[in-house]
């Protein structure tokens, strides 16, 4: 799996209320959630983000409540992957279950907003094309890549069930 995109960079301890404020949890419609993604952190995020862009953040991303709405809003906004120094465990799992690739990079300081990065998920390589740097990340295990390729865990299970019949 190869993912390439423009970076939107934010800091540490971004919680699920900042990702998608609770006042918008009255819907599960991805398009409606996307319109409010990260608005309490960056009111212009949805105006700036383009399909295929990559979110780069610091430590403890997705802390707070366990709402799947947070991942859904990010994915529906056009973000193709997230790179973080660390994640809240349940956010990390929700991302995989929703089909959004998530990666860990121990130090994101050499990646800036606007940089173009390329993620080689199979080989565990992150290239900052703008800064001409290369980093090691954990490769995505094949079984998780299959879940992501299917668009999430529910789609993966449906496909497996159909293929057995």
C-alpha atoms as a PDB file:
ATOM      1  CA  UNK A   1       0.000   0.000   0.000  1.00  0.00           C
ATOM      2  CA  UNK A   2       1.430   3.346  -1.085  1.00  0.00           C
ATOM      3  CA  UNK A   3      -0.158   6.577   0.188  1.00  0.00           C
ATOM      4  CA  UNK A   4       0.981  10.019  -0.918  1.00  0.00           C
ATOM      5  CA  UNK A   5      -0.420  13.371   0.107  1.00  0.00           C
ATOM      6  CA  UNK A   6      -0.027  16.896   1.426  1.00  0.00           C
ATOM      7  CA  UNK A   7       0.383  17.300   5.185  1.00  0.00           C
ATOM      8  CA  UNK A   8      -1.856  19.092   7.677  1.00  0.00           C
ATOM      9  CA  UNK A   9       0.107  19.240  10.946  1.00  0.00           C
ATOM     10  CA  UNK A  10      -1.213  19.693  14.489  1.00  0.00           C
ATOM     11  CA  UNK A  11       0.081  19.104  18.013  1.00  0.00           C
ATOM     12  CA  UNK A  12      -0.350  16.815  21.012  1.00  0.00           C
ATOM     13  CA  UNK A  13      -3.354  15.601  22.997  1.00  0.00           C
ATOM     14  CA  UNK A  14      -6.003  16.339  20.388  1.00  0.00           C
ATOM     15  CA  UNK A  15      -9.152  14.790  21.787  1.00  0.00           C
ATOM     16  CA  UNK A  16     -12.253  13.479  20.075  1.00  0.00           C
ATOM     17  CA  UNK A  17     -14.219  16.601  21.083  1.00  0.00           C
ATOM     18  CA  UNK A  18     -11.737  18.689  19.103  1.00  0.00           C
ATOM     19  CA  UNK A  19     -11.891  16.267  16.179  1.00  0.00           C
ATOM     20  CA  UNK A  20     -15.694  16.345  16.039  1.00  0.00           C
ATOM     21  CA  UNK A  21     -17.462  18.495  18.636  1.00  0.00           C
ATOM     22  CA  UNK A  22     -20.260  16.805  20.600  1.00  0.00           C
ATOM     23  CA  UNK A  23     -22.811  19.288  19.246  1.00  0.00           C
ATOM     24  CA  UNK A  24     -22.632  17.437  15.898  1.00  0.00           C
ATOM     25  CA  UNK A  25     -23.121  13.924  17.237  1.00  0.00           C
ATOM     26  CA  UNK A  26     -26.799  13.947  16.320  1.00  0.00           C
ATOM     27  CA  UNK A  27     -25.857  12.498  12.915  1.00  0.00           C
ATOM     28  CA  UNK A  28     -23.844   9.582  11.618  1.00  0.00           C
ATOM     29  CA  UNK A  29     -23.807  10.929   8.042  1.00  0.00           C
ATOM     30  CA  UNK A  30     -20.112  11.052   7.033  1.00  0.00           C
ATOM     31  CA  UNK A  31     -20.581  14.096   4.767  1.00  0.00           C
ATOM     32  CA  UNK A  32     -22.263  16.108   7.531  1.00  0.00           C
ATOM     33  CA  UNK A  33     -19.578  15.101  10.051  1.00  0.00           C
ATOM     34  CA  UNK A  34     -16.804  16.024   7.593  1.00  0.00           C
ATOM     35  CA  UNK A  35     -18.090  19.600   7.390  1.00  0.00           C
ATOM     36  CA  UNK A  36     -17.227  20.060  11.081  1.00  0.00           C
ATOM     37  CA  UNK A  37     -14.019  18.020  11.304  1.00  0.00           C
ATOM     38  CA  UNK A  38     -11.427  19.715  13.544  1.00  0.00           C
ATOM     39  CA  UNK A  39     -13.370  23.007  13.502  1.00  0.00           C
ATOM     40  CA  UNK A  40     -12.729  23.741  17.191  1.00  0.00           C
ATOM     41  CA  UNK A  41      -9.008  23.229  16.614  1.00  0.00           C
ATOM     42  CA  UNK A  42      -8.741  24.913  13.191  1.00  0.00           C
ATOM     43  CA  UNK A  43     -11.861  26.647  11.874  1.00  0.00           C
ATOM     44  CA  UNK A  44     -10.425  26.583   8.332  1.00  0.00           C
ATOM     45  CA  UNK A  45      -9.435  22.908   8.245  1.00  0.00           C
ATOM     46  CA  UNK A  46     -12.342  21.815   6.039  1.00  0.00           C
ATOM     47  CA  UNK A  47     -11.603  24.634   3.598  1.00  0.00           C
ATOM     48  CA  UNK A  48      -7.943  23.593   3.335  1.00  0.00           C
ATOM     49  CA  UNK A  49      -8.154  19.807   3.230  1.00  0.00           C
ATOM     50  CA  UNK A  50      -8.265  18.020  -0.109  1.00  0.00           C
ATOM     51  CA  UNK A  51      -8.944  14.383  -0.913  1.00  0.00           C
ATOM     52  CA  UNK A  52      -5.790  12.358  -0.318  1.00  0.00           C
ATOM     53  CA  UNK A  53      -4.197  14.732   2.211  1.00  0.00           C
ATOM     54  CA  UNK A  54      -2.461  13.313   5.270  1.00  0.00           C
ATOM     55  CA  UNK A  55      -2.910  14.346   8.896  1.00  0.00           C
ATOM     56  CA  UNK A  56       0.274  14.488  10.998  1.00  0.00           C
ATOM     57  CA  UNK A  57      -0.066  14.968  14.751  1.00  0.00           C
ATOM     58  CA  UNK A  58       1.888  14.587  17.958  1.00  0.00           C
ATOM     59  CA  UNK A  59       1.255  12.396  20.977  1.00  0.00           C
ATOM     60  CA  UNK A  60      -1.976  10.923  22.326  1.00  0.00           C
ATOM     61  CA  UNK A  61      -4.106  11.647  19.264  1.00  0.00           C
ATOM     62  CA  UNK A  62      -7.788  10.790  19.643  1.00  0.00           C
ATOM     63  CA  UNK A  63      -7.871  10.787  23.423  1.00  0.00           C
ATOM     64  CA  UNK A  64     -11.180  11.363  25.171  1.00  0.00           C
ATOM     65  CA  UNK A  65     -14.383   9.540  24.341  1.00  0.00           C
ATOM     66  CA  UNK A  66     -14.538   6.430  22.207  1.00  0.00           C
ATOM     67  CA  UNK A  67     -16.849   7.875  19.548  1.00  0.00           C
ATOM     68  CA  UNK A  68     -16.388   6.510  16.063  1.00  0.00           C
ATOM     69  CA  UNK A  69     -17.703   9.823  14.737  1.00  0.00           C
ATOM     70  CA  UNK A  70     -14.183  11.245  15.155  1.00  0.00           C
ATOM     71  CA  UNK A  71     -12.618   8.789  12.721  1.00  0.00           C
ATOM     72  CA  UNK A  72     -15.573   8.996  10.344  1.00  0.00           C
ATOM     73  CA  UNK A  73     -15.306  12.798  10.179  1.00  0.00           C
ATOM     74  CA  UNK A  74     -11.567  12.650   9.415  1.00  0.00           C
ATOM     75  CA  UNK A  75     -11.931  10.007   6.731  1.00  0.00           C
ATOM     76  CA  UNK A  76     -14.930  11.737   5.135  1.00  0.00           C
ATOM     77  CA  UNK A  77     -13.037  15.059   5.082  1.00  0.00           C
ATOM     78  CA  UNK A  78     -10.641  13.521   2.548  1.00  0.00           C
ATOM     79  CA  UNK A  79      -7.741  12.559   4.810  1.00  0.00           C
ATOM     80  CA  UNK A  80      -6.165   9.358   3.449  1.00  0.00           C
ATOM     81  CA  UNK A  81      -3.970   8.496   6.461  1.00  0.00           C
ATOM     82  CA  UNK A  82      -2.865   9.714   9.878  1.00  0.00           C
ATOM     83  CA  UNK A  83       0.692   9.768  11.176  1.00  0.00           C
ATOM     84  CA  UNK A  84       1.065  10.324  14.924  1.00  0.00           C
ATOM     85  CA  UNK A  85       3.653   9.920  17.632  1.00  0.00           C
ATOM     86  CA  UNK A  86       1.034   7.966  19.612  1.00  0.00           C
ATOM     87  CA  UNK A  87      -2.707   7.350  19.679  1.00  0.00           C
ATOM     88  CA  UNK A  88      -5.379   6.685  22.235  1.00  0.00           C
ATOM     89  CA  UNK A  89      -5.878   2.918  21.891  1.00  0.00           C
ATOM     90  CA  UNK A  90      -9.571   3.018  21.085  1.00  0.00           C
ATOM     91  CA  UNK A  91      -9.097   5.734  18.451  1.00  0.00           C
ATOM     92  CA  UNK A  92      -6.398   3.621  16.793  1.00  0.00           C
ATOM     93  CA  UNK A  93      -8.716   0.605  16.686  1.00  0.00           C
ATOM     94  CA  UNK A  94     -11.679   2.684  15.483  1.00  0.00           C
ATOM     95  CA  UNK A  95      -9.507   3.962  12.627  1.00  0.00           C
ATOM     96  CA  UNK A  96      -8.684   0.441  11.487  1.00  0.00           C
ATOM     97  CA  UNK A  97     -12.306  -0.659  11.897  1.00  0.00           C
ATOM     98  CA  UNK A  98     -13.378   2.279   9.717  1.00  0.00           C
ATOM     99  CA  UNK A  99     -10.689   1.660   7.095  1.00  0.00           C
ATOM    100  CA  UNK A 100      -8.504   4.690   7.796  1.00  0.00           C
ATOM    101  CA  UNK A 101      -4.761   3.866   7.768  1.00  0.00           C
ATOM    102  CA  UNK A 102      -2.903   4.997  10.896  1.00  0.00           C
ATOM    103  CA  UNK A 103       0.856   5.008  11.413  1.00  0.00           C
ATOM    104  CA  UNK A 104       3.226   5.712  14.285  1.00  0.00           C
ATOM    105  CA  UNK A 105       6.298   7.890  13.827  1.00  0.00           C
ATOM    106  CA  UNK A 106       8.203   8.428  17.081  1.00  0.00           C
ATOM    107  CA  UNK A 107       9.084  12.025  16.230  1.00  0.00           C
ATOM    108  CA  UNK A 108       7.023  14.092  13.799  1.00  0.00           C
ATOM    109  CA  UNK A 109       9.037  17.308  14.241  1.00  0.00           C
ATOM    110  CA  UNK A 110      10.670  17.094  10.800  1.00  0.00           C
ATOM    111  CA  UNK A 111       7.318  17.094   9.009  1.00  0.00           C
ATOM    112  CA  UNK A 112       5.544  20.409   8.457  1.00  0.00           C
ATOM    113  CA  UNK A 113       2.186  21.586   7.159  1.00  0.00           C
ATOM    114  CA  UNK A 114       2.290  21.621   3.368  1.00  0.00           C
ATOM    115  CA  UNK A 115       5.007  18.985   3.034  1.00  0.00           C
ATOM    116  CA  UNK A 116       4.351  16.163   0.589  1.00  0.00           C
ATOM    117  CA  UNK A 117       4.859  12.773   2.191  1.00  0.00           C
ATOM    118  CA  UNK A 118       4.731   9.255   0.845  1.00  0.00           C
ATOM    119  CA  UNK A 119       3.953   6.251   3.025  1.00  0.00           C
ATOM    120  CA  UNK A 120       5.137   2.830   1.912  1.00  0.00           C
ATOM    121  CA  UNK A 121       2.964   0.843   4.311  1.00  0.00           C
ATOM    122  CA  UNK A 122       4.216  -2.562   3.166  1.00  0.00           C
ATOM    123  CA  UNK A 123       7.875  -1.796   3.847  1.00  0.00           C
ATOM    124  CA  UNK A 124       7.502   0.582   6.800  1.00  0.00           C
ATOM    125  CA  UNK A 125       9.004   3.637   5.099  1.00  0.00           C
ATOM    126  CA  UNK A 126       7.820   7.242   5.307  1.00  0.00           C
ATOM    127  CA  UNK A 127       9.396   9.692   2.911  1.00  0.00           C
ATOM    128  CA  UNK A 128       9.106  13.422   3.339  1.00  0.00           C
ATOM    129  CA  UNK A 129       9.452  14.394  -0.305  1.00  0.00           C
ATOM    130  CA  UNK A 130       9.568  18.115   0.538  1.00  0.00           C
ATOM    131  CA  UNK A 131      12.223  17.793   3.228  1.00  0.00           C
ATOM    132  CA  UNK A 132      14.067  14.981   1.429  1.00  0.00           C
ATOM    133  CA  UNK A 133      14.043  12.772   4.568  1.00  0.00           C
ATOM    134  CA  UNK A 134      13.247   9.114   5.125  1.00  0.00           C
ATOM    135  CA  UNK A 135      11.836   7.584   8.330  1.00  0.00           C
ATOM    136  CA  UNK A 136      11.026   4.094   9.587  1.00  0.00           C
ATOM    137  CA  UNK A 137       7.453   3.315  10.612  1.00  0.00           C
ATOM    138  CA  UNK A 138       5.825   0.026  11.496  1.00  0.00           C
ATOM    139  CA  UNK A 139       4.511  -1.665   8.368  1.00  0.00           C
ATOM    140  CA  UNK A 140       0.811  -2.499   8.312  1.00  0.00           C
ATOM    141  CA  UNK A 141       0.271  -6.221   8.881  1.00  0.00           C
ATOM    142  CA  UNK A 142      -1.343  -7.920   5.868  1.00  0.00           C
ATOM    143  CA  UNK A 143      -4.558  -8.810   7.723  1.00  0.00           C
ATOM    144  CA  UNK A 144      -5.049  -5.151   8.741  1.00  0.00           C
ATOM    145  CA  UNK A 145      -4.262  -4.008   5.195  1.00  0.00           C
ATOM    146  CA  UNK A 146      -7.083  -6.284   3.999  1.00  0.00           C
ATOM    147  CA  UNK A 147      -9.485  -4.591   6.448  1.00  0.00           C
ATOM    148  CA  UNK A 148      -8.383  -1.134   5.263  1.00  0.00           C
ATOM    149  CA  UNK A 149      -8.605  -2.138   1.583  1.00  0.00           C
ATOM    150  CA  UNK A 150     -12.158  -3.380   2.173  1.00  0.00           C
ATOM    151  CA  UNK A 151     -13.112   0.022   3.615  1.00  0.00           C
ATOM    152  CA  UNK A 152     -13.301  -1.170   7.208  1.00  0.00           C
ATOM    153  CA  UNK A 153     -14.044  -4.190   9.352  1.00  0.00           C
ATOM    154  CA  UNK A 154     -17.769  -4.473   8.525  1.00  0.00           C
ATOM    155  CA  UNK A 155     -17.078  -4.443   4.772  1.00  0.00           C
ATOM    156  CA  UNK A 156     -14.249  -6.925   5.246  1.00  0.00           C
ATOM    157  CA  UNK A 157     -16.504  -9.355   7.112  1.00  0.00           C
ATOM    158  CA  UNK A 158     -19.280  -8.941   4.511  1.00  0.00           C
ATOM    159  CA  UNK A 159     -16.830  -9.717   1.691  1.00  0.00           C
ATOM    160  CA  UNK A 160     -15.507 -12.776   3.488  1.00  0.00           C
ATOM    161  CA  UNK A 161     -19.033 -14.015   4.109  1.00  0.00           C
ATOM    162  CA  UNK A 162     -20.035 -13.522   0.460  1.00  0.00           C
ATOM    163  CA  UNK A 163     -16.903 -15.282  -0.789  1.00  0.00           C
ATOM    164  CA  UNK A 164     -17.699 -18.339   1.372  1.00  0.00           C
ATOM    165  CA  UNK A 165     -21.225 -18.690  -0.081  1.00  0.00           C
END
